Amino acid sequence: MGLINRIRQHFADSIRVKQEALERLAAPLADACGRMARALLQGGRILACGNGGSAADAQHFAAELVGRFETERQELAAIALTTDTSILTAVGNDYGFQHIFSRQLRALGRAGDVLLAISTSGNSGNVIEAIRAAHEREMQVIALTGGDGGQTRALLRAEDILLAVPDKRTARIQETHLLLIHCLCDGIDSLLSGVEK
């Protein structure tokens, strides 16, 4: 195939998936921006979790809100549940890896907060437990997955939002998740600044 052709194929596939995601996810993504902005305006927080690349995405999202995305503004309340190694290792050792996010949610989450749950397959056990814990705390859930949403789809309630990237390949899903996260950050900023209503 040749290396240049392989590179071209990666670009072509990524563009195709993003175009399909735009058609399917623009409306629910705008809804997710609105829900997150309302939660922040009402004194709520956004807690984010995921594994591997999705953990990096959770941290990236929290950093954009606490710091800034593209324009200067006040700090926004966001926490990545993937960063405290003492909690992660203690809970993982004492209770099992599937509980590393859910125990943090039960400790930190409250009604009015939002969980950003990221799992490319939609089947990550600890993210599923986090969704259950968020529901116990009367939090809304915004789930970023791929494919058909996996087990996450069945767990979500009517007030939750599923943003499932229409592809099964992890690399394509992760690339599109980053774009969705940037859209969330921009949408939140636009709503909070009054640019969009």
C-alpha atoms as a PDB file:
ATOM      1  CA  MET A   1       0.000   0.000   0.000  1.00  0.00           C
ATOM      2  CA  GLY A   2       2.865   2.391   0.737  1.00  0.00           C
ATOM      3  CA  LEU A   3       3.259   4.628   3.738  1.00  0.00           C
ATOM      4  CA  ILE A   4       1.944   7.779   2.070  1.00  0.00           C
ATOM      5  CA  ASN A   5      -1.199   5.942   0.967  1.00  0.00           C
ATOM      6  CA  ARG A   6      -1.696   4.611   4.509  1.00  0.00           C
ATOM      7  CA  ILE A   7      -1.433   8.179   5.805  1.00  0.00           C
ATOM      8  CA  ARG A   8      -3.910   9.384   3.175  1.00  0.00           C
ATOM      9  CA  GLN A   9      -6.323   6.646   4.222  1.00  0.00           C
ATOM     10  CA  HIS A  10      -6.112   7.701   7.889  1.00  0.00           C
ATOM     11  CA  PHE A  11      -6.969  11.278   6.924  1.00  0.00           C
ATOM     12  CA  ALA A  12      -9.799  10.172   4.627  1.00  0.00           C
ATOM     13  CA  ASP A  13     -11.279   7.877   7.290  1.00  0.00           C
ATOM     14  CA  SER A  14     -11.034  10.568   9.970  1.00  0.00           C
ATOM     15  CA  ILE A  15     -12.765  13.128   7.730  1.00  0.00           C
ATOM     16  CA  ARG A  16     -15.543  10.655   6.872  1.00  0.00           C
ATOM     17  CA  VAL A  17     -16.231   9.801  10.520  1.00  0.00           C
ATOM     18  CA  LYS A  18     -16.265  13.460  11.533  1.00  0.00           C
ATOM     19  CA  GLN A  19     -18.712  14.292   8.737  1.00  0.00           C
ATOM     20  CA  GLU A  20     -21.028  11.460   9.796  1.00  0.00           C
ATOM     21  CA  ALA A  21     -20.717  12.556  13.426  1.00  0.00           C
ATOM     22  CA  LEU A  22     -21.656  16.122  12.460  1.00  0.00           C
ATOM     23  CA  GLU A  23     -24.889  14.923  10.847  1.00  0.00           C
ATOM     24  CA  ARG A  24     -25.870  12.686  13.766  1.00  0.00           C
ATOM     25  CA  LEU A  25     -24.544  14.550  16.775  1.00  0.00           C
ATOM     26  CA  ALA A  26     -24.851  18.299  16.167  1.00  0.00           C
ATOM     27  CA  ALA A  27     -28.269  18.595  17.834  1.00  0.00           C
ATOM     28  CA  PRO A  28     -27.554  16.422  20.898  1.00  0.00           C
ATOM     29  CA  LEU A  29     -24.144  18.087  21.234  1.00  0.00           C
ATOM     30  CA  ALA A  30     -25.805  21.514  21.362  1.00  0.00           C
ATOM     31  CA  ASP A  31     -28.201  20.133  23.987  1.00  0.00           C
ATOM     32  CA  ALA A  32     -25.228  18.860  26.019  1.00  0.00           C
ATOM     33  CA  CYS A  33     -23.621  22.336  25.873  1.00  0.00           C
ATOM     34  CA  GLY A  34     -26.813  23.853  27.211  1.00  0.00           C
ATOM     35  CA  ARG A  35     -27.137  21.382  30.049  1.00  0.00           C
ATOM     36  CA  MET A  36     -23.531  21.818  31.109  1.00  0.00           C
ATOM     37  CA  ALA A  37     -23.777  25.620  30.974  1.00  0.00           C
ATOM     38  CA  ARG A  38     -26.994  25.568  33.060  1.00  0.00           C
ATOM     39  CA  ALA A  39     -25.375  23.305  35.631  1.00  0.00           C
ATOM     40  CA  LEU A  40     -22.395  25.647  35.957  1.00  0.00           C
ATOM     41  CA  LEU A  41     -24.632  28.730  36.208  1.00  0.00           C
ATOM     42  CA  GLN A  42     -26.578  27.071  39.026  1.00  0.00           C
ATOM     43  CA  GLY A  43     -23.425  26.337  41.033  1.00  0.00           C
ATOM     44  CA  GLY A  44     -22.939  22.777  39.803  1.00  0.00           C
ATOM     45  CA  ARG A  45     -19.781  21.098  38.625  1.00  0.00           C
ATOM     46  CA  ILE A  46     -18.815  18.847  35.763  1.00  0.00           C
ATOM     47  CA  LEU A  47     -16.975  15.666  36.744  1.00  0.00           C
ATOM     48  CA  ALA A  48     -15.262  13.716  33.973  1.00  0.00           C
ATOM     49  CA  CYS A  49     -13.856  10.197  33.756  1.00  0.00           C
ATOM     50  CA  GLY A  50     -12.482   7.649  31.302  1.00  0.00           C
ATOM     51  CA  ASN A  51      -9.609   5.187  30.826  1.00  0.00           C
ATOM     52  CA  GLY A  52      -6.406   5.482  28.814  1.00  0.00           C
ATOM     53  CA  GLY A  53      -6.881   7.995  25.996  1.00  0.00           C
ATOM     54  CA  SER A  54     -10.313   8.761  27.424  1.00  0.00           C
ATOM     55  CA  ALA A  55      -8.667   9.613  30.771  1.00  0.00           C
ATOM     56  CA  ALA A  56      -6.502  12.100  28.896  1.00  0.00           C
ATOM     57  CA  ASP A  57      -9.646  13.501  27.270  1.00  0.00           C
ATOM     58  CA  ALA A  58     -11.328  13.875  30.679  1.00  0.00           C
ATOM     59  CA  GLN A  59      -8.291  15.786  31.954  1.00  0.00           C
ATOM     60  CA  HIS A  60      -8.110  17.896  28.794  1.00  0.00           C
ATOM     61  CA  PHE A  61     -11.786  18.869  29.193  1.00  0.00           C
ATOM     62  CA  ALA A  62     -11.368  19.806  32.869  1.00  0.00           C
ATOM     63  CA  ALA A  63      -8.242  21.827  32.081  1.00  0.00           C
ATOM     64  CA  GLU A  64     -10.051  23.809  29.378  1.00  0.00           C
ATOM     65  CA  LEU A  65     -12.855  24.722  31.809  1.00  0.00           C
ATOM     66  CA  VAL A  66     -10.726  25.525  34.847  1.00  0.00           C
ATOM     67  CA  GLY A  67      -8.189  27.378  32.716  1.00  0.00           C
ATOM     68  CA  ARG A  68      -9.673  28.677  29.490  1.00  0.00           C
ATOM     69  CA  PHE A  69     -10.545  27.396  26.045  1.00  0.00           C
ATOM     70  CA  GLU A  70     -10.070  30.145  23.448  1.00  0.00           C
ATOM     71  CA  THR A  71     -11.169  33.279  25.270  1.00  0.00           C
ATOM     72  CA  GLU A  72     -10.469  34.711  28.699  1.00  0.00           C
ATOM     73  CA  ARG A  73     -13.215  34.160  31.272  1.00  0.00           C
ATOM     74  CA  GLN A  74     -13.669  33.194  34.891  1.00  0.00           C
ATOM     75  CA  GLU A  75     -12.709  29.715  36.029  1.00  0.00           C
ATOM     76  CA  LEU A  76     -15.381  27.021  35.630  1.00  0.00           C
ATOM     77  CA  ALA A  77     -15.911  24.130  38.046  1.00  0.00           C
ATOM     78  CA  ALA A  78     -14.680  20.921  36.433  1.00  0.00           C
ATOM     79  CA  ILE A  79     -12.911  17.925  37.957  1.00  0.00           C
ATOM     80  CA  ALA A  80     -11.188  15.026  36.198  1.00  0.00           C
ATOM     81  CA  LEU A  81     -11.620  11.907  38.339  1.00  0.00           C
ATOM     82  CA  THR A  82      -8.577  10.353  36.652  1.00  0.00           C
ATOM     83  CA  THR A  83      -5.780  12.356  38.271  1.00  0.00           C
ATOM     84  CA  ASP A  84      -5.454  11.500  41.969  1.00  0.00           C
ATOM     85  CA  THR A  85      -3.113   8.511  42.005  1.00  0.00           C
ATOM     86  CA  SER A  86      -3.532   7.945  45.732  1.00  0.00           C
ATOM     87  CA  ILE A  87      -7.315   7.630  45.406  1.00  0.00           C
ATOM     88  CA  LEU A  88      -7.087   5.569  42.222  1.00  0.00           C
ATOM     89  CA  THR A  89      -4.618   3.099  43.668  1.00  0.00           C
ATOM     90  CA  ALA A  90      -6.205   2.885  47.112  1.00  0.00           C
ATOM     91  CA  VAL A  91      -9.707   2.305  45.762  1.00  0.00           C
ATOM     92  CA  GLY A  92      -8.402  -0.001  43.047  1.00  0.00           C
ATOM     93  CA  ASN A  93      -6.491  -2.058  45.595  1.00  0.00           C
ATOM     94  CA  ASP A  94      -9.141  -2.134  48.331  1.00  0.00           C
ATOM     95  CA  TYR A  95     -12.372  -2.284  46.313  1.00  0.00           C
ATOM     96  CA  GLY A  96     -11.399  -3.132  42.734  1.00  0.00           C
ATOM     97  CA  PHE A  97     -10.627  -1.115  39.611  1.00  0.00           C
ATOM     98  CA  GLN A  98     -14.298  -0.952  38.622  1.00  0.00           C
ATOM     99  CA  HIS A  99     -14.962   1.358  41.598  1.00  0.00           C
ATOM    100  CA  ILE A 100     -12.223   3.980  41.081  1.00  0.00           C
ATOM    101  CA  PHE A 101     -14.654   6.554  39.671  1.00  0.00           C
ATOM    102  CA  SER A 102     -17.899   5.584  41.392  1.00  0.00           C
ATOM    103  CA  ARG A 103     -16.496   6.055  44.890  1.00  0.00           C
ATOM    104  CA  GLN A 104     -15.212   9.502  43.941  1.00  0.00           C
ATOM    105  CA  LEU A 105     -18.625  10.380  42.513  1.00  0.00           C
ATOM    106  CA  ARG A 106     -20.392   9.291  45.682  1.00  0.00           C
ATOM    107  CA  ALA A 107     -17.957  11.420  47.696  1.00  0.00           C
ATOM    108  CA  LEU A 108     -17.923  14.520  45.465  1.00  0.00           C
ATOM    109  CA  GLY A 109     -21.015  14.479  43.271  1.00  0.00           C
ATOM    110  CA  ARG A 110     -24.306  16.112  44.132  1.00  0.00           C
ATOM    111  CA  ALA A 111     -27.642  16.827  42.503  1.00  0.00           C
ATOM    112  CA  GLY A 112     -27.189  19.439  39.808  1.00  0.00           C
ATOM    113  CA  ASP A 113     -23.714  18.269  38.793  1.00  0.00           C
ATOM    114  CA  VAL A 114     -23.016  16.662  35.424  1.00  0.00           C
ATOM    115  CA  LEU A 115     -20.926  13.570  34.714  1.00  0.00           C
ATOM    116  CA  LEU A 116     -18.984  13.494  31.444  1.00  0.00           C
ATOM    117  CA  ALA A 117     -18.498   9.730  30.996  1.00  0.00           C
ATOM    118  CA  ILE A 118     -16.043   8.799  28.240  1.00  0.00           C
ATOM    119  CA  SER A 119     -15.661   5.245  26.907  1.00  0.00           C
ATOM    120  CA  THR A 120     -14.857   4.488  23.268  1.00  0.00           C
ATOM    121  CA  SER A 121     -16.650   1.118  23.474  1.00  0.00           C
ATOM    122  CA  GLY A 122     -19.328   2.182  25.929  1.00  0.00           C
ATOM    123  CA  ASN A 123     -18.480  -0.954  27.907  1.00  0.00           C
ATOM    124  CA  SER A 124     -15.824   0.216  30.405  1.00  0.00           C
ATOM    125  CA  GLY A 125     -16.810  -1.291  33.749  1.00  0.00           C
ATOM    126  CA  ASN A 126     -15.594   1.589  35.893  1.00  0.00           C
ATOM    127  CA  VAL A 127     -17.310   4.164  33.679  1.00  0.00           C
ATOM    128  CA  ILE A 128     -20.545   2.164  33.876  1.00  0.00           C
ATOM    129  CA  GLU A 129     -20.267   2.153  37.684  1.00  0.00           C
ATOM    130  CA  ALA A 130     -19.646   5.906  37.557  1.00  0.00           C
ATOM    131  CA  ILE A 131     -22.879   6.389  35.606  1.00  0.00           C
ATOM    132  CA  ARG A 132     -24.773   4.371  38.216  1.00  0.00           C
ATOM    133  CA  ALA A 133     -23.244   6.466  41.014  1.00  0.00           C
ATOM    134  CA  ALA A 134     -24.103   9.695  39.163  1.00  0.00           C
ATOM    135  CA  HIS A 135     -27.728   8.600  38.917  1.00  0.00           C
ATOM    136  CA  GLU A 136     -27.753   7.839  42.653  1.00  0.00           C
ATOM    137  CA  ARG A 137     -26.640  11.445  43.204  1.00  0.00           C
ATOM    138  CA  GLU A 138     -29.306  12.772  40.802  1.00  0.00           C
ATOM    139  CA  MET A 139     -26.695  13.987  38.348  1.00  0.00           C
ATOM    140  CA  GLN A 140     -27.203  14.223  34.604  1.00  0.00           C
ATOM    141  CA  VAL A 141     -24.873  12.173  32.403  1.00  0.00           C
ATOM    142  CA  ILE A 142     -23.321  13.155  29.084  1.00  0.00           C
ATOM    143  CA  ALA A 143     -21.743  10.003  27.616  1.00  0.00           C
ATOM    144  CA  LEU A 144     -19.135  10.002  24.852  1.00  0.00           C
ATOM    145  CA  THR A 145     -18.867   6.563  23.234  1.00  0.00           C
ATOM    146  CA  GLY A 146     -18.482   4.986  19.829  1.00  0.00           C
ATOM    147  CA  GLY A 147     -20.440   2.552  17.719  1.00  0.00           C
ATOM    148  CA  ASP A 148     -23.873   1.755  19.130  1.00  0.00           C
ATOM    149  CA  GLY A 149     -23.006   3.084  22.610  1.00  0.00           C
ATOM    150  CA  GLY A 150     -22.373  -0.347  24.122  1.00  0.00           C
ATOM    151  CA  GLN A 151     -23.706  -1.079  27.594  1.00  0.00           C
ATOM    152  CA  THR A 152     -23.735   2.644  28.359  1.00  0.00           C
ATOM    153  CA  ARG A 153     -26.721   3.188  26.065  1.00  0.00           C
ATOM    154  CA  ALA A 154     -28.960   0.938  28.171  1.00  0.00           C
ATOM    155  CA  LEU A 155     -27.971   2.702  31.415  1.00  0.00           C
ATOM    156  CA  LEU A 156     -28.799   6.215  30.324  1.00  0.00           C
ATOM    157  CA  ARG A 157     -32.013   7.900  31.415  1.00  0.00           C
ATOM    158  CA  ALA A 158     -34.261  10.174  29.385  1.00  0.00           C
ATOM    159  CA  GLU A 159     -32.547  13.281  30.770  1.00  0.00           C
ATOM    160  CA  ASP A 160     -29.073  11.983  29.824  1.00  0.00           C
ATOM    161  CA  ILE A 161     -27.356  12.465  26.468  1.00  0.00           C
ATOM    162  CA  LEU A 162     -25.485   9.857  24.429  1.00  0.00           C
ATOM    163  CA  LEU A 163     -22.907  11.130  21.934  1.00  0.00           C
ATOM    164  CA  ALA A 164     -21.916   7.940  20.117  1.00  0.00           C
ATOM    165  CA  VAL A 165     -19.370   8.442  17.336  1.00  0.00           C
ATOM    166  CA  PRO A 166     -20.571   6.424  14.317  1.00  0.00           C
ATOM    167  CA  ASP A 167     -17.554   4.146  13.983  1.00  0.00           C
ATOM    168  CA  LYS A 168     -16.026   1.106  15.689  1.00  0.00           C
ATOM    169  CA  ARG A 169     -12.346   1.943  15.291  1.00  0.00           C
ATOM    170  CA  THR A 170     -10.830   3.294  18.512  1.00  0.00           C
ATOM    171  CA  ALA A 171      -8.516   5.783  16.785  1.00  0.00           C
ATOM    172  CA  ARG A 172     -11.379   7.347  14.812  1.00  0.00           C
ATOM    173  CA  ILE A 173     -13.601   7.491  17.899  1.00  0.00           C
ATOM    174  CA  GLN A 174     -10.890   9.143  19.999  1.00  0.00           C
ATOM    175  CA  GLU A 175     -10.127  11.711  17.299  1.00  0.00           C
ATOM    176  CA  THR A 176     -13.790  12.622  17.103  1.00  0.00           C
ATOM    177  CA  HIS A 177     -14.163  12.679  20.897  1.00  0.00           C
ATOM    178  CA  LEU A 178     -11.520  15.402  21.010  1.00  0.00           C
ATOM    179  CA  LEU A 179     -13.501  17.450  18.491  1.00  0.00           C
ATOM    180  CA  LEU A 180     -16.693  16.908  20.520  1.00  0.00           C
ATOM    181  CA  ILE A 181     -14.892  18.055  23.670  1.00  0.00           C
ATOM    182  CA  HIS A 182     -13.723  21.207  21.930  1.00  0.00           C
ATOM    183  CA  CYS A 183     -17.295  21.824  20.734  1.00  0.00           C
ATOM    184  CA  LEU A 184     -18.518  21.402  24.325  1.00  0.00           C
ATOM    185  CA  CYS A 185     -15.931  23.887  25.605  1.00  0.00           C
ATOM    186  CA  ASP A 186     -16.765  26.424  22.911  1.00  0.00           C
ATOM    187  CA  GLY A 187     -20.501  25.951  23.382  1.00  0.00           C
ATOM    188  CA  ILE A 188     -20.301  26.384  27.140  1.00  0.00           C
ATOM    189  CA  ASP A 189     -18.208  29.525  26.754  1.00  0.00           C
ATOM    190  CA  SER A 190     -20.593  30.940  24.142  1.00  0.00           C
ATOM    191  CA  LEU A 191     -23.639  30.311  26.318  1.00  0.00           C
ATOM    192  CA  LEU A 192     -22.069  31.682  29.494  1.00  0.00           C
ATOM    193  CA  SER A 193     -20.831  34.820  27.732  1.00  0.00           C
ATOM    194  CA  GLY A 194     -24.246  35.459  26.189  1.00  0.00           C
ATOM    195  CA  VAL A 195     -23.013  35.071  22.611  1.00  0.00           C
ATOM    196  CA  GLU A 196     -25.509  32.220  22.135  1.00  0.00           C
ATOM    197  CA  LYS A 197     -28.877  31.996  23.873  1.00  0.00           C
END
